[in-house]
């Protein structure tokens, strides 16, 4: 799937670092929430995805980073509609990838196409 990326590697890295700082703050304030464990796991999952994409952006092209992000998104089981406390790690990763797609200006059509290819959760 060919996608146009207008951000440089440095811009992608800066944006991902910003998202990682937000996720870290969420981890730190998890104890203050109504459901600390769910909030913490969601934030840590987001932070992990941002760190992974940053590592890719440091050594590969912006196009490669987007392709890897789309691959990870395609491989995530579809868990939308499940209870808030279920599949928190998957939901955190999904949220992080969707934030990344917004940051780079990925066309919604591309995201929807890849989303439709995601597997159904089998537990």
PDB file of N, CA and C in Angstrom:
ATOM      1  N   UNK A   1       0.853  -1.165   0.000  1.00  0.00           N
ATOM      2  CA  UNK A   1       0.000   0.000   0.000  1.00  0.00           C
ATOM      3  C   UNK A   1       0.902   1.233   0.000  1.00  0.00           C
ATOM      4  N   UNK A   2       0.708   2.076  -0.975  1.00  0.00           N
ATOM      5  CA  UNK A   2       1.545   3.262  -1.109  1.00  0.00           C
ATOM      6  C   UNK A   2       0.865   4.456  -0.437  1.00  0.00           C
ATOM      7  N   UNK A   3       1.573   5.064   0.508  1.00  0.00           N
ATOM      8  CA  UNK A   3       1.047   6.232   1.221  1.00  0.00           C
ATOM      9  C   UNK A   3       2.060   7.364   1.124  1.00  0.00           C
ATOM     10  N   UNK A   4       1.545   8.560   0.966  1.00  0.00           N
ATOM     11  CA  UNK A   4       2.408   9.729   0.873  1.00  0.00           C
ATOM     12  C   UNK A   4       2.682  10.258   2.282  1.00  0.00           C
ATOM     13  N   UNK A   5       3.962  10.421   2.600  1.00  0.00           N
ATOM     14  CA  UNK A   5       4.364  10.930   3.912  1.00  0.00           C
ATOM     15  C   UNK A   5       5.051  12.276   3.703  1.00  0.00           C
ATOM     16  N   UNK A   6       4.519  13.301   4.344  1.00  0.00           N
ATOM     17  CA  UNK A   6       5.090  14.639   4.154  1.00  0.00           C
ATOM     18  C   UNK A   6       6.025  15.055   5.293  1.00  0.00           C
ATOM     19  N   UNK A   7       6.018  14.319   6.388  1.00  0.00           N
ATOM     20  CA  UNK A   7       6.893  14.648   7.520  1.00  0.00           C
ATOM     21  C   UNK A   7       8.258  14.016   7.339  1.00  0.00           C
ATOM     22  N   UNK A   8       9.273  14.699   7.845  1.00  0.00           N
ATOM     23  CA  UNK A   8      10.633  14.142   7.838  1.00  0.00           C
ATOM     24  C   UNK A   8      10.778  13.179   9.025  1.00  0.00           C
ATOM     25  N   UNK A   9      11.850  12.436   9.016  1.00  0.00           N
ATOM     26  CA  UNK A   9      12.125  11.529  10.142  1.00  0.00           C
ATOM     27  C   UNK A   9      12.227  12.309  11.449  1.00  0.00           C
ATOM     28  N   UNK A  10      12.909  13.456  11.413  1.00  0.00           N
ATOM     29  CA  UNK A  10      13.050  14.266  12.625  1.00  0.00           C
ATOM     30  C   UNK A  10      11.699  14.748  13.142  1.00  0.00           C
ATOM     31  N   UNK A  11      10.824  15.152  12.248  1.00  0.00           N
ATOM     32  CA  UNK A  11       9.488  15.595  12.659  1.00  0.00           C
ATOM     33  C   UNK A  11       8.682  14.442  13.257  1.00  0.00           C
ATOM     34  N   UNK A  12       8.805  13.273  12.666  1.00  0.00           N
ATOM     35  CA  UNK A  12       8.116  12.094  13.199  1.00  0.00           C
ATOM     36  C   UNK A  12       8.650  11.768  14.594  1.00  0.00           C
ATOM     37  N   UNK A  13       9.956  11.783  14.746  1.00  0.00           N
ATOM     38  CA  UNK A  13      10.567  11.480  16.044  1.00  0.00           C
ATOM     39  C   UNK A  13      10.127  12.491  17.101  1.00  0.00           C
ATOM     40  N   UNK A  14      10.114  13.760  16.754  1.00  0.00           N
ATOM     41  CA  UNK A  14       9.660  14.799  17.701  1.00  0.00           C
ATOM     42  C   UNK A  14       8.212  14.567  18.119  1.00  0.00           C
ATOM     43  N   UNK A  15       7.358  14.278  17.149  1.00  0.00           N
ATOM     44  CA  UNK A  15       5.952  14.021  17.454  1.00  0.00           C
ATOM     45  C   UNK A  15       5.765  12.802  18.336  1.00  0.00           C
ATOM     46  N   UNK A  16       6.514  11.747  18.046  1.00  0.00           N
ATOM     47  CA  UNK A  16       6.412  10.526  18.858  1.00  0.00           C
ATOM     48  C   UNK A  16       6.927  10.757  20.275  1.00  0.00           C
ATOM     49  N   UNK A  17       7.978  11.554  20.412  1.00  0.00           N
ATOM     50  CA  UNK A  17       8.484  11.869  21.757  1.00  0.00           C
ATOM     51  C   UNK A  17       7.440  12.636  22.556  1.00  0.00           C
ATOM     52  N   UNK A  18       6.732  13.529  21.897  1.00  0.00           N
ATOM     53  CA  UNK A  18       5.646  14.266  22.561  1.00  0.00           C
ATOM     54  C   UNK A  18       4.562  13.293  23.038  1.00  0.00           C
ATOM     55  N   UNK A  19       4.158  12.394  22.181  1.00  0.00           N
ATOM     56  CA  UNK A  19       3.147  11.395  22.567  1.00  0.00           C
ATOM     57  C   UNK A  19       3.646  10.503  23.701  1.00  0.00           C
ATOM     58  N   UNK A  20       4.934  10.144  23.667  1.00  0.00           N
ATOM     59  CA  UNK A  20       5.495   9.316  24.750  1.00  0.00           C
ATOM     60  C   UNK A  20       5.461  10.044  26.081  1.00  0.00           C
ATOM     61  N   UNK A  21       5.742  11.345  26.068  1.00  0.00           N
ATOM     62  CA  UNK A  21       5.682  12.123  27.316  1.00  0.00           C
ATOM     63  C   UNK A  21       4.255  12.140  27.879  1.00  0.00           C
ATOM     64  N   UNK A  22       3.280  12.279  27.004  1.00  0.00           N
ATOM     65  CA  UNK A  22       1.879  12.258  27.451  1.00  0.00           C
ATOM     66  C   UNK A  22       1.552  10.893  28.062  1.00  0.00           C
ATOM     67  N   UNK A  23       1.967   9.825  27.394  1.00  0.00           N
ATOM     68  CA  UNK A  23       1.703   8.478  27.918  1.00  0.00           C
ATOM     69  C   UNK A  23       2.400   8.272  29.263  1.00  0.00           C
ATOM     70  N   UNK A  24       3.618   8.798  29.409  1.00  0.00           N
ATOM     71  CA  UNK A  24       4.331   8.665  30.682  1.00  0.00           C
ATOM     72  C   UNK A  24       3.583   9.404  31.789  1.00  0.00           C
ATOM     73  N   UNK A  25       3.087  10.589  31.480  1.00  0.00           N
ATOM     74  CA  UNK A  25       2.300  11.327  32.470  1.00  0.00           C
ATOM     75  C   UNK A  25       1.048  10.538  32.858  1.00  0.00           C
ATOM     76  N   UNK A  26       0.435   9.884  31.891  1.00  0.00           N
ATOM     77  CA  UNK A  26      -0.748   9.064  32.173  1.00  0.00           C
ATOM     78  C   UNK A  26      -0.395   7.884  33.084  1.00  0.00           C
ATOM     79  N   UNK A  27       0.775   7.285  32.861  1.00  0.00           N
ATOM     80  CA  UNK A  27       1.214   6.187  33.740  1.00  0.00           C
ATOM     81  C   UNK A  27       1.356   6.724  35.169  1.00  0.00           C
ATOM     82  N   UNK A  28       1.968   7.898  35.308  1.00  0.00           N
ATOM     83  CA  UNK A  28       2.209   8.467  36.630  1.00  0.00           C
ATOM     84  C   UNK A  28       0.919   8.848  37.354  1.00  0.00           C
ATOM     85  N   UNK A  29      -0.092   9.230  36.616  1.00  0.00           N
ATOM     86  CA  UNK A  29      -1.340   9.632  37.270  1.00  0.00           C
ATOM     87  C   UNK A  29      -2.382   8.522  37.325  1.00  0.00           C
ATOM     88  N   UNK A  30      -2.026   7.328  36.900  1.00  0.00           N
ATOM     89  CA  UNK A  30      -2.965   6.201  36.891  1.00  0.00           C
ATOM     90  C   UNK A  30      -3.581   5.945  38.266  1.00  0.00           C
ATOM     91  N   UNK A  31      -2.786   6.068  39.304  1.00  0.00           N
ATOM     92  CA  UNK A  31      -3.271   5.792  40.659  1.00  0.00           C
ATOM     93  C   UNK A  31      -4.406   6.716  41.073  1.00  0.00           C
ATOM     94  N   UNK A  32      -4.511   7.858  40.436  1.00  0.00           N
ATOM     95  CA  UNK A  32      -5.542   8.836  40.776  1.00  0.00           C
ATOM     96  C   UNK A  32      -6.861   8.583  40.042  1.00  0.00           C
ATOM     97  N   UNK A  33      -6.885   7.586  39.180  1.00  0.00           N
ATOM     98  CA  UNK A  33      -8.075   7.337  38.364  1.00  0.00           C
ATOM     99  C   UNK A  33      -8.992   6.311  39.023  1.00  0.00           C
ATOM    100  N   UNK A  34     -10.192   6.183  38.484  1.00  0.00           N
ATOM    101  CA  UNK A  34     -11.177   5.237  39.010  1.00  0.00           C
ATOM    102  C   UNK A  34     -10.746   3.782  38.804  1.00  0.00           C
ATOM    103  N   UNK A  35      -9.967   3.534  37.752  1.00  0.00           N
ATOM    104  CA  UNK A  35      -9.522   2.171  37.467  1.00  0.00           C
ATOM    105  C   UNK A  35      -8.018   2.207  37.145  1.00  0.00           C
ATOM    106  N   UNK A  36      -7.190   2.308  38.185  1.00  0.00           N
ATOM    107  CA  UNK A  36      -5.748   2.531  38.003  1.00  0.00           C
ATOM    108  C   UNK A  36      -5.045   1.511  37.112  1.00  0.00           C
ATOM    109  N   UNK A  37      -5.357   0.236  37.287  1.00  0.00           N
ATOM    110  CA  UNK A  37      -4.653  -0.800  36.517  1.00  0.00           C
ATOM    111  C   UNK A  37      -4.964  -0.682  35.024  1.00  0.00           C
ATOM    112  N   UNK A  38      -6.219  -0.490  34.688  1.00  0.00           N
ATOM    113  CA  UNK A  38      -6.613  -0.349  33.279  1.00  0.00           C
ATOM    114  C   UNK A  38      -5.947   0.892  32.681  1.00  0.00           C
ATOM    115  N   UNK A  39      -5.985   1.991  33.398  1.00  0.00           N
ATOM    116  CA  UNK A  39      -5.408   3.250  32.929  1.00  0.00           C
ATOM    117  C   UNK A  39      -3.901   3.093  32.728  1.00  0.00           C
ATOM    118  N   UNK A  40      -3.222   2.443  33.670  1.00  0.00           N
ATOM    119  CA  UNK A  40      -1.768   2.255  33.586  1.00  0.00           C
ATOM    120  C   UNK A  40      -1.394   1.372  32.398  1.00  0.00           C
ATOM    121  N   UNK A  41      -2.089   0.243  32.234  1.00  0.00           N
ATOM    122  CA  UNK A  41      -1.773  -0.680  31.132  1.00  0.00           C
ATOM    123  C   UNK A  41      -2.004   0.001  29.781  1.00  0.00           C
ATOM    124  N   UNK A  42      -3.100   0.746  29.668  1.00  0.00           N
ATOM    125  CA  UNK A  42      -3.395   1.464  28.421  1.00  0.00           C
ATOM    126  C   UNK A  42      -2.273   2.448  28.107  1.00  0.00           C
ATOM    127  N   UNK A  43      -1.849   3.220  29.085  1.00  0.00           N
ATOM    128  CA  UNK A  43      -0.791   4.213  28.882  1.00  0.00           C
ATOM    129  C   UNK A  43       0.545   3.546  28.546  1.00  0.00           C
ATOM    130  N   UNK A  44       0.868   2.468  29.232  1.00  0.00           N
ATOM    131  CA  UNK A  44       2.126   1.769  28.953  1.00  0.00           C
ATOM    132  C   UNK A  44       2.122   1.165  27.553  1.00  0.00           C
ATOM    133  N   UNK A  45       0.986   0.657  27.119  1.00  0.00           N
ATOM    134  CA  UNK A  45       0.874   0.098  25.769  1.00  0.00           C
ATOM    135  C   UNK A  45       1.091   1.177  24.717  1.00  0.00           C
ATOM    136  N   UNK A  46       0.521   2.348  24.953  1.00  0.00           N
ATOM    137  CA  UNK A  46       0.726   3.469  24.035  1.00  0.00           C
ATOM    138  C   UNK A  46       2.197   3.852  23.995  1.00  0.00           C
ATOM    139  N   UNK A  47       2.785   3.961  25.167  1.00  0.00           N
ATOM    140  CA  UNK A  47       4.196   4.351  25.256  1.00  0.00           C
ATOM    141  C   UNK A  47       5.097   3.350  24.531  1.00  0.00           C
ATOM    142  N   UNK A  48       4.788   2.071  24.654  1.00  0.00           N
ATOM    143  CA  UNK A  48       5.571   1.030  23.968  1.00  0.00           C
ATOM    144  C   UNK A  48       5.514   1.194  22.442  1.00  0.00           C
ATOM    145  N   UNK A  49       4.329   1.476  21.923  1.00  0.00           N
ATOM    146  CA  UNK A  49       4.183   1.670  20.473  1.00  0.00           C
ATOM    147  C   UNK A  49       4.961   2.908  20.024  1.00  0.00           C
ATOM    148  N   UNK A  50       4.859   3.989  20.780  1.00  0.00           N
ATOM    149  CA  UNK A  50       5.597   5.208  20.409  1.00  0.00           C
ATOM    150  C   UNK A  50       7.102   4.951  20.423  1.00  0.00           C
ATOM    151  N   UNK A  51       7.576   4.199  21.404  1.00  0.00           N
ATOM    152  CA  UNK A  51       9.008   3.880  21.480  1.00  0.00           C
ATOM    153  C   UNK A  51       9.430   3.012  20.289  1.00  0.00           C
ATOM    154  N   UNK A  52       8.609   2.054  19.946  1.00  0.00           N
ATOM    155  CA  UNK A  52       8.907   1.170  18.817  1.00  0.00           C
ATOM    156  C   UNK A  52       8.966   1.962  17.512  1.00  0.00           C
ATOM    157  N   UNK A  53       7.990   2.827  17.282  1.00  0.00           N
ATOM    158  CA  UNK A  53       7.972   3.625  16.056  1.00  0.00           C
ATOM    159  C   UNK A  53       9.138   4.622  16.023  1.00  0.00           C
ATOM    160  N   UNK A  54       9.508   5.146  17.191  1.00  0.00           N
ATOM    161  CA  UNK A  54      10.652   6.059  17.263  1.00  0.00           C
ATOM    162  C   UNK A  54      11.929   5.329  16.847  1.00  0.00           C
ATOM    163  N   UNK A  55      12.097   4.128  17.348  1.00  0.00           N
ATOM    164  CA  UNK A  55      13.287   3.330  17.014  1.00  0.00           C
ATOM    165  C   UNK A  55      13.375   3.096  15.498  1.00  0.00           C
ATOM    166  N   UNK A  56      12.237   2.814  14.884  1.00  0.00           N
ATOM    167  CA  UNK A  56      12.206   2.609  13.431  1.00  0.00           C
ATOM    168  C   UNK A  56      12.544   3.921  12.721  1.00  0.00           C
ATOM    169  N   UNK A  57      11.957   5.027  13.194  1.00  0.00           N
ATOM    170  CA  UNK A  57      12.180   6.339  12.564  1.00  0.00           C
ATOM    171  C   UNK A  57      13.638   6.783  12.654  1.00  0.00           C
ATOM    172  N   UNK A  58      14.356   6.303  13.655  1.00  0.00           N
ATOM    173  CA  UNK A  58      15.761   6.690  13.821  1.00  0.00           C
ATOM    174  C   UNK A  58      16.669   6.021  12.798  1.00  0.00           C
ATOM    175  N   UNK A  59      16.220   4.908  12.208  1.00  0.00           N
ATOM    176  CA  UNK A  59      17.094   4.171  11.295  1.00  0.00           C
ATOM    177  C   UNK A  59      16.521   3.975   9.893  1.00  0.00           C
ATOM    178  N   UNK A  60      15.234   4.272   9.728  1.00  0.00           N
ATOM    179  CA  UNK A  60      14.608   4.031   8.429  1.00  0.00           C
ATOM    180  C   UNK A  60      13.882   5.282   7.938  1.00  0.00           C
ATOM    181  N   UNK A  61      13.372   5.204   6.745  1.00  0.00           N
ATOM    182  CA  UNK A  61      12.702   6.353   6.125  1.00  0.00           C
ATOM    183  C   UNK A  61      11.309   6.564   6.727  1.00  0.00           C
ATOM    184  N   UNK A  62      10.771   7.778   6.602  1.00  0.00           N
ATOM    185  CA  UNK A  62       9.407   8.031   7.066  1.00  0.00           C
ATOM    186  C   UNK A  62       8.399   7.053   6.444  1.00  0.00           C
ATOM    187  N   UNK A  63       8.596   6.742   5.172  1.00  0.00           N
ATOM    188  CA  UNK A  63       7.714   5.787   4.482  1.00  0.00           C
ATOM    189  C   UNK A  63       7.765   4.419   5.178  1.00  0.00           C
ATOM    190  N   UNK A  64       8.954   3.981   5.565  1.00  0.00           N
ATOM    191  CA  UNK A  64       9.108   2.692   6.246  1.00  0.00           C
ATOM    192  C   UNK A  64       8.400   2.692   7.600  1.00  0.00           C
ATOM    193  N   UNK A  65       8.490   3.823   8.312  1.00  0.00           N
ATOM    194  CA  UNK A  65       7.834   3.928   9.621  1.00  0.00           C
ATOM    195  C   UNK A  65       6.324   3.758   9.444  1.00  0.00           C
ATOM    196  N   UNK A  66       5.767   4.426   8.457  1.00  0.00           N
ATOM    197  CA  UNK A  66       4.323   4.333   8.214  1.00  0.00           C
ATOM    198  C   UNK A  66       3.935   2.918   7.812  1.00  0.00           C
ATOM    199  N   UNK A  67       4.722   2.304   6.968  1.00  0.00           N
ATOM    200  CA  UNK A  67       4.408   0.932   6.544  1.00  0.00           C
ATOM    201  C   UNK A  67       4.432  -0.032   7.737  1.00  0.00           C
ATOM    202  N   UNK A  68       5.414   0.133   8.621  1.00  0.00           N
ATOM    203  CA  UNK A  68       5.476  -0.716   9.819  1.00  0.00           C
ATOM    204  C   UNK A  68       4.276  -0.456  10.727  1.00  0.00           C
ATOM    205  N   UNK A  69       3.918   0.813  10.902  1.00  0.00           N
ATOM    206  CA  UNK A  69       2.765   1.150  11.736  1.00  0.00           C
ATOM    207  C   UNK A  69       1.487   0.538  11.160  1.00  0.00           C
ATOM    208  N   UNK A  70       1.338   0.604   9.855  1.00  0.00           N
ATOM    209  CA  UNK A  70       0.156   0.000   9.220  1.00  0.00           C
ATOM    210  C   UNK A  70       0.154  -1.517   9.407  1.00  0.00           C
ATOM    211  N   UNK A  71       1.338  -2.113   9.333  1.00  0.00           N
ATOM    212  CA  UNK A  71       1.444  -3.564   9.552  1.00  0.00           C
ATOM    213  C   UNK A  71       1.021  -3.929  10.972  1.00  0.00           C
ATOM    214  N   UNK A  72       1.526  -3.194  11.957  1.00  0.00           N
ATOM    215  CA  UNK A  72       1.151  -3.463  13.349  1.00  0.00           C
ATOM    216  C   UNK A  72      -0.358  -3.285  13.543  1.00  0.00           C
ATOM    217  N   UNK A  73      -0.900  -2.244  12.940  1.00  0.00           N
ATOM    218  CA  UNK A  73      -2.334  -1.962  13.062  1.00  0.00           C
ATOM    219  C   UNK A  73      -3.149  -3.092  12.439  1.00  0.00           C
ATOM    220  N   UNK A  74      -2.717  -3.568  11.290  1.00  0.00           N
ATOM    221  CA  UNK A  74      -3.411  -4.655  10.585  1.00  0.00           C
ATOM    222  C   UNK A  74      -3.395  -5.944  11.407  1.00  0.00           C
ATOM    223  N   UNK A  75      -2.321  -6.157  12.174  1.00  0.00           N
ATOM    224  CA  UNK A  75      -2.181  -7.396  12.945  1.00  0.00           C
ATOM    225  C   UNK A  75      -2.929  -7.369  14.278  1.00  0.00           C
ATOM    226  N   UNK A  76      -3.303  -6.178  14.744  1.00  0.00           N
ATOM    227  CA  UNK A  76      -4.016  -6.083  16.032  1.00  0.00           C
ATOM    228  C   UNK A  76      -5.401  -6.699  15.936  1.00  0.00           C
ATOM    229  N   UNK A  77      -5.755  -7.529  16.890  1.00  0.00           N
ATOM    230  CA  UNK A  77      -7.125  -8.064  16.891  1.00  0.00           C
ATOM    231  C   UNK A  77      -8.132  -6.931  17.093  1.00  0.00           C
ATOM    232  N   UNK A  78      -9.274  -7.067  16.481  1.00  0.00           N
ATOM    233  CA  UNK A  78     -10.330  -6.068  16.555  1.00  0.00           C
ATOM    234  C   UNK A  78     -11.088  -6.257  17.870  1.00  0.00           C
ATOM    235  N   UNK A  79     -11.029  -5.284  18.778  1.00  0.00           N
ATOM    236  CA  UNK A  79     -11.679  -5.405  20.095  1.00  0.00           C
ATOM    237  C   UNK A  79     -12.644  -4.264  20.398  1.00  0.00           C
ATOM    238  N   UNK A  80     -12.921  -3.434  19.414  1.00  0.00           N
ATOM    239  CA  UNK A  80     -13.846  -2.328  19.619  1.00  0.00           C
ATOM    240  C   UNK A  80     -15.206  -2.878  20.044  1.00  0.00           C
ATOM    241  N   UNK A  81     -15.793  -2.225  21.027  1.00  0.00           N
ATOM    242  CA  UNK A  81     -17.105  -2.658  21.507  1.00  0.00           C
ATOM    243  C   UNK A  81     -17.043  -3.570  22.716  1.00  0.00           C
ATOM    244  N   UNK A  82     -15.839  -3.955  23.134  1.00  0.00           N
ATOM    245  CA  UNK A  82     -15.718  -4.779  24.338  1.00  0.00           C
ATOM    246  C   UNK A  82     -15.750  -3.870  25.565  1.00  0.00           C
ATOM    247  N   UNK A  83     -15.941  -4.464  26.712  1.00  0.00           N
ATOM    248  CA  UNK A  83     -16.007  -3.700  27.960  1.00  0.00           C
ATOM    249  C   UNK A  83     -14.712  -2.924  28.188  1.00  0.00           C
ATOM    250  N   UNK A  84     -14.828  -1.793  28.857  1.00  0.00           N
ATOM    251  CA  UNK A  84     -13.695  -0.895  29.091  1.00  0.00           C
ATOM    252  C   UNK A  84     -12.472  -1.618  29.656  1.00  0.00           C
ATOM    253  N   UNK A  85     -12.685  -2.510  30.612  1.00  0.00           N
ATOM    254  CA  UNK A  85     -11.555  -3.162  31.278  1.00  0.00           C
ATOM    255  C   UNK A  85     -11.027  -4.386  30.529  1.00  0.00           C
ATOM    256  N   UNK A  86     -11.616  -4.714  29.392  1.00  0.00           N
ATOM    257  CA  UNK A  86     -11.162  -5.874  28.616  1.00  0.00           C
ATOM    258  C   UNK A  86     -10.167  -5.452  27.528  1.00  0.00           C
ATOM    259  N   UNK A  87      -9.155  -6.256  27.324  1.00  0.00           N
ATOM    260  CA  UNK A  87      -8.186  -6.079  26.230  1.00  0.00           C
ATOM    261  C   UNK A  87      -7.524  -4.702  26.240  1.00  0.00           C
ATOM    262  N   UNK A  88      -7.190  -4.251  27.419  1.00  0.00           N
ATOM    263  CA  UNK A  88      -6.638  -2.904  27.590  1.00  0.00           C
ATOM    264  C   UNK A  88      -5.347  -2.700  26.805  1.00  0.00           C
ATOM    265  N   UNK A  89      -4.493  -3.697  26.792  1.00  0.00           N
ATOM    266  CA  UNK A  89      -3.216  -3.561  26.080  1.00  0.00           C
ATOM    267  C   UNK A  89      -3.459  -3.373  24.582  1.00  0.00           C
ATOM    268  N   UNK A  90      -4.349  -4.152  24.019  1.00  0.00           N
ATOM    269  CA  UNK A  90      -4.658  -4.031  22.592  1.00  0.00           C
ATOM    270  C   UNK A  90      -5.265  -2.658  22.304  1.00  0.00           C
ATOM    271  N   UNK A  91      -6.176  -2.220  23.161  1.00  0.00           N
ATOM    272  CA  UNK A  91      -6.811  -0.914  22.970  1.00  0.00           C
ATOM    273  C   UNK A  91      -5.793   0.218  23.069  1.00  0.00           C
ATOM    274  N   UNK A  92      -4.820   0.083  23.960  1.00  0.00           N
ATOM    275  CA  UNK A  92      -3.773   1.093  24.076  1.00  0.00           C
ATOM    276  C   UNK A  92      -2.915   1.163  22.814  1.00  0.00           C
ATOM    277  N   UNK A  93      -2.558  -0.007  22.286  1.00  0.00           N
ATOM    278  CA  UNK A  93      -1.766  -0.042  21.052  1.00  0.00           C
ATOM    279  C   UNK A  93      -2.554   0.549  19.889  1.00  0.00           C
ATOM    280  N   UNK A  94      -3.821   0.180  19.809  1.00  0.00           N
ATOM    281  CA  UNK A  94      -4.682   0.711  18.753  1.00  0.00           C
ATOM    282  C   UNK A  94      -4.758   2.237  18.842  1.00  0.00           C
ATOM    283  N   UNK A  95      -4.959   2.742  20.045  1.00  0.00           N
ATOM    284  CA  UNK A  95      -5.043   4.179  20.265  1.00  0.00           C
ATOM    285  C   UNK A  95      -3.743   4.881  19.856  1.00  0.00           C
ATOM    286  N   UNK A  96      -2.604   4.291  20.215  1.00  0.00           N
ATOM    287  CA  UNK A  96      -1.309   4.876  19.866  1.00  0.00           C
ATOM    288  C   UNK A  96      -1.115   4.918  18.355  1.00  0.00           C
ATOM    289  N   UNK A  97      -1.449   3.842  17.692  1.00  0.00           N
ATOM    290  CA  UNK A  97      -1.287   3.806  16.239  1.00  0.00           C
ATOM    291  C   UNK A  97      -2.221   4.800  15.556  1.00  0.00           C
ATOM    292  N   UNK A  98      -3.446   4.907  16.052  1.00  0.00           N
ATOM    293  CA  UNK A  98      -4.378   5.868  15.474  1.00  0.00           C
ATOM    294  C   UNK A  98      -3.910   7.311  15.722  1.00  0.00           C
ATOM    295  N   UNK A  99      -3.327   7.570  16.896  1.00  0.00           N
ATOM    296  CA  UNK A  99      -2.741   8.891  17.159  1.00  0.00           C
ATOM    297  C   UNK A  99      -1.606   9.182  16.167  1.00  0.00           C
ATOM    298  N   UNK A 100      -0.783   8.179  15.925  1.00  0.00           N
ATOM    299  CA  UNK A 100       0.316   8.323  14.979  1.00  0.00           C
ATOM    300  C   UNK A 100      -0.218   8.640  13.588  1.00  0.00           C
ATOM    301  N   UNK A 101      -1.263   7.933  13.173  1.00  0.00           N
ATOM    302  CA  UNK A 101      -1.836   8.168  11.844  1.00  0.00           C
ATOM    303  C   UNK A 101      -2.374   9.597  11.728  1.00  0.00           C
ATOM    304  N   UNK A 102      -2.980  10.087  12.809  1.00  0.00           N
ATOM    305  CA  UNK A 102      -3.452  11.476  12.809  1.00  0.00           C
ATOM    306  C   UNK A 102      -2.279  12.444  12.709  1.00  0.00           C
ATOM    307  N   UNK A 103      -1.224  12.161  13.450  1.00  0.00           N
ATOM    308  CA  UNK A 103      -0.046  13.031  13.469  1.00  0.00           C
ATOM    309  C   UNK A 103       0.562  13.172  12.076  1.00  0.00           C
ATOM    310  N   UNK A 104       0.654  12.075  11.347  1.00  0.00           N
ATOM    311  CA  UNK A 104       1.302  12.128  10.028  1.00  0.00           C
ATOM    312  C   UNK A 104       0.338  12.536   8.923  1.00  0.00           C
ATOM    313  N   UNK A 105      -0.942  12.666   9.263  1.00  0.00           N
ATOM    314  CA  UNK A 105      -1.929  13.065   8.264  1.00  0.00           C
ATOM    315  C   UNK A 105      -2.309  11.948   7.314  1.00  0.00           C
ATOM    316  N   UNK A 106      -2.306  10.708   7.806  1.00  0.00           N
ATOM    317  CA  UNK A 106      -2.698   9.566   6.982  1.00  0.00           C
ATOM    318  C   UNK A 106      -4.155   9.725   6.544  1.00  0.00           C
ATOM    319  N   UNK A 107      -4.410   9.487   5.301  1.00  0.00           N
ATOM    320  CA  UNK A 107      -5.774   9.593   4.795  1.00  0.00           C
ATOM    321  C   UNK A 107      -6.681   8.614   5.544  1.00  0.00           C
ATOM    322  N   UNK A 108      -7.827   9.078   6.023  1.00  0.00           N
ATOM    323  CA  UNK A 108      -8.755   8.200   6.747  1.00  0.00           C
ATOM    324  C   UNK A 108      -9.141   6.956   5.947  1.00  0.00           C
ATOM    325  N   UNK A 109      -9.195   7.096   4.635  1.00  0.00           N
ATOM    326  CA  UNK A 109      -9.545   5.963   3.773  1.00  0.00           C
ATOM    327  C   UNK A 109      -8.533   4.819   3.929  1.00  0.00           C
ATOM    328  N   UNK A 110      -7.259   5.171   4.024  1.00  0.00           N
ATOM    329  CA  UNK A 110      -6.206   4.162   4.171  1.00  0.00           C
ATOM    330  C   UNK A 110      -6.361   3.449   5.519  1.00  0.00           C
ATOM    331  N   UNK A 111      -6.568   4.241   6.573  1.00  0.00           N
ATOM    332  CA  UNK A 111      -6.741   3.646   7.897  1.00  0.00           C
ATOM    333  C   UNK A 111      -7.955   2.718   7.913  1.00  0.00           C
ATOM    334  N   UNK A 112      -9.059   3.161   7.328  1.00  0.00           N
ATOM    335  CA  UNK A 112     -10.271   2.327   7.294  1.00  0.00           C
ATOM    336  C   UNK A 112     -10.033   1.028   6.535  1.00  0.00           C
ATOM    337  N   UNK A 113      -9.293   1.112   5.430  1.00  0.00           N
ATOM    338  CA  UNK A 113      -9.008  -0.079   4.641  1.00  0.00           C
ATOM    339  C   UNK A 113      -8.193  -1.089   5.450  1.00  0.00           C
ATOM    340  N   UNK A 114      -7.162  -0.593   6.125  1.00  0.00           N
ATOM    341  CA  UNK A 114      -6.317  -1.481   6.938  1.00  0.00           C
ATOM    342  C   UNK A 114      -7.113  -2.003   8.129  1.00  0.00           C
ATOM    343  N   UNK A 115      -7.920  -1.151   8.734  1.00  0.00           N
ATOM    344  CA  UNK A 115      -8.754  -1.566   9.878  1.00  0.00           C
ATOM    345  C   UNK A 115      -9.673  -2.716   9.479  1.00  0.00           C
ATOM    346  N   UNK A 116     -10.203  -2.672   8.270  1.00  0.00           N
ATOM    347  CA  UNK A 116     -11.115  -3.731   7.816  1.00  0.00           C
ATOM    348  C   UNK A 116     -10.405  -5.068   7.635  1.00  0.00           C
ATOM    349  N   UNK A 117      -9.084  -5.043   7.580  1.00  0.00           N
ATOM    350  CA  UNK A 117      -8.308  -6.276   7.401  1.00  0.00           C
ATOM    351  C   UNK A 117      -7.878  -6.903   8.734  1.00  0.00           C
ATOM    352  N   UNK A 118      -8.179  -6.225   9.818  1.00  0.00           N
ATOM    353  CA  UNK A 118      -7.757  -6.730  11.135  1.00  0.00           C
ATOM    354  C   UNK A 118      -8.519  -7.993  11.504  1.00  0.00           C
ATOM    355  N   UNK A 119      -7.833  -8.910  12.197  1.00  0.00           N
ATOM    356  CA  UNK A 119      -8.502 -10.147  12.599  1.00  0.00           C
ATOM    357  C   UNK A 119      -9.474  -9.928  13.763  1.00  0.00           C
ATOM    358  N   UNK A 120     -10.454 -10.794  13.836  1.00  0.00           N
ATOM    359  CA  UNK A 120     -11.366 -10.798  14.972  1.00  0.00           C
ATOM    360  C   UNK A 120     -10.657 -11.470  16.132  1.00  0.00           C
ATOM    361  N   UNK A 121     -10.877 -10.959  17.324  1.00  0.00           N
ATOM    362  CA  UNK A 121     -10.237 -11.539  18.507  1.00  0.00           C
ATOM    363  C   UNK A 121     -10.784 -12.931  18.764  1.00  0.00           C
ATOM    364  N   UNK A 122      -9.880 -13.873  18.930  1.00  0.00           N
ATOM    365  CA  UNK A 122     -10.282 -15.226  19.295  1.00  0.00           C
ATOM    366  C   UNK A 122      -9.655 -15.536  20.649  1.00  0.00           C
ATOM    367  N   UNK A 123     -10.486 -15.672  21.650  1.00  0.00           N
ATOM    368  CA  UNK A 123      -9.912 -15.896  22.983  1.00  0.00           C
ATOM    369  C   UNK A 123     -10.344 -17.174  23.587  1.00  0.00           C
TER     370      UNK A 123
END
